[in-house]
Amino acid sequence: MVVVTLELEAAEQLDRLPERIKSRVTGIIKRLGNWPEVSGAKTLQGEFAKHYRIRTGDYRLQFRVTGDEVIIERMGHRDRFYE
């Protein structure tokens, strides 16, 4: 198991999510504690190489893995996520 932490931006974004989405995202955060046995995570490319994203419905979480820590960098709706 790994330690899952949220950067400040991600923690603020989590607070602003609608309640039903927040519970789904919280479930993903718990699942990330079992890294690397997490299904659905995709490697990003380009300037975000070595970063990952995972989705739940229309929402995305971006994270990176450093040793035994998963650091969630940001989260949000897909229509604004890739800007």
Protein backbone atom coordinates (compact mmCIF):
# COMPACT_ATOMS: atom_id res chain seq x y z
CA MET A 1 0.00 0.00 0.00
CA VAL A 2 1.02 3.58 -0.60
CA VAL A 3 0.23 6.90 1.05
CA VAL A 4 -2.22 9.07 -0.90
CA THR A 5 -1.92 12.84 -0.49
CA LEU A 6 -3.70 15.77 -2.09
CA GLU A 7 -1.97 18.93 -3.18
CA LEU A 8 -3.65 22.13 -1.99
CA GLU A 9 -5.28 22.77 -5.37
CA ALA A 10 -6.76 19.26 -5.45
CA ALA A 11 -8.06 19.55 -1.88
CA GLU A 12 -9.80 22.84 -2.77
CA GLN A 13 -11.27 21.30 -5.92
CA LEU A 14 -12.55 18.31 -3.92
CA ASP A 15 -14.35 20.66 -1.52
CA ARG A 16 -16.14 22.34 -4.43
CA LEU A 17 -17.44 19.14 -6.04
CA PRO A 18 -21.15 18.25 -5.82
CA GLU A 19 -21.80 15.81 -2.95
CA ARG A 20 -22.65 12.78 -5.11
CA ILE A 21 -19.50 13.29 -7.20
CA LYS A 22 -17.42 13.93 -4.08
CA SER A 23 -18.36 10.49 -2.72
CA ARG A 24 -17.32 8.83 -6.01
CA VAL A 25 -14.02 10.72 -6.06
CA THR A 26 -13.38 9.79 -2.43
CA GLY A 27 -13.81 6.14 -3.44
CA ILE A 28 -11.17 6.57 -6.15
CA ILE A 29 -8.81 8.20 -3.65
CA LYS A 30 -9.18 5.15 -1.39
CA ARG A 31 -8.57 2.82 -4.36
CA LEU A 32 -5.35 4.67 -5.20
CA GLY A 33 -4.00 3.47 -1.86
CA ASN A 34 -3.60 0.07 -3.54
CA TRP A 35 -1.29 1.42 -6.25
CA PRO A 36 -0.18 -0.15 -8.63
CA GLU A 37 -3.10 -2.62 -8.53
CA VAL A 38 -5.54 0.11 -9.61
CA SER A 39 -7.54 -0.40 -12.78
CA GLY A 40 -8.51 2.44 -15.08
CA ALA A 41 -5.46 4.68 -14.61
CA LYS A 42 -3.94 5.98 -17.83
CA THR A 43 -0.47 7.40 -18.38
CA LEU A 44 -0.41 10.97 -19.69
CA GLN A 45 1.91 12.10 -22.47
CA GLY A 46 3.92 15.11 -23.50
CA GLU A 47 4.77 17.57 -20.74
CA PHE A 48 2.77 15.42 -18.31
CA ALA A 49 4.73 12.22 -18.94
CA LYS A 50 5.05 10.18 -15.72
CA HIS A 51 1.70 11.54 -14.57
CA TYR A 52 -1.56 9.62 -14.62
CA ARG A 53 -5.26 10.26 -14.81
CA ILE A 54 -8.20 8.25 -13.65
CA ARG A 55 -11.85 8.98 -14.28
CA THR A 56 -15.22 8.53 -12.72
CA GLY A 57 -18.02 9.46 -15.07
CA ASP A 58 -17.30 12.95 -16.40
CA TYR A 59 -14.73 13.76 -13.70
CA ARG A 60 -10.98 13.26 -13.83
CA LEU A 61 -8.18 13.09 -11.26
CA GLN A 62 -4.57 13.76 -12.24
CA PHE A 63 -1.83 12.30 -10.09
CA ARG A 64 1.81 11.29 -9.99
CA VAL A 65 3.58 8.49 -8.16
CA THR A 66 6.76 9.17 -6.21
CA GLY A 67 8.21 6.15 -4.44
CA ASP A 68 5.53 4.91 -2.07
CA GLU A 69 3.35 8.03 -2.36
CA VAL A 70 0.52 8.88 -4.77
CA ILE A 71 0.12 12.65 -5.04
CA ILE A 72 -3.19 13.88 -6.44
CA GLU A 73 -2.49 17.15 -8.25
CA ARG A 74 -5.89 18.23 -9.49
CA MET A 75 -9.40 17.08 -10.27
CA GLY A 76 -12.39 18.39 -12.16
CA HIS A 77 -15.00 17.99 -14.85
CA ARG A 78 -13.68 16.75 -18.18
CA ASP A 79 -14.85 19.82 -20.14
CA ARG A 80 -12.37 22.03 -18.22
CA PHE A 81 -9.83 19.42 -17.20
CA TYR A 82 -7.55 19.50 -20.23
CA GLU A 83 -7.26 23.29 -20.59
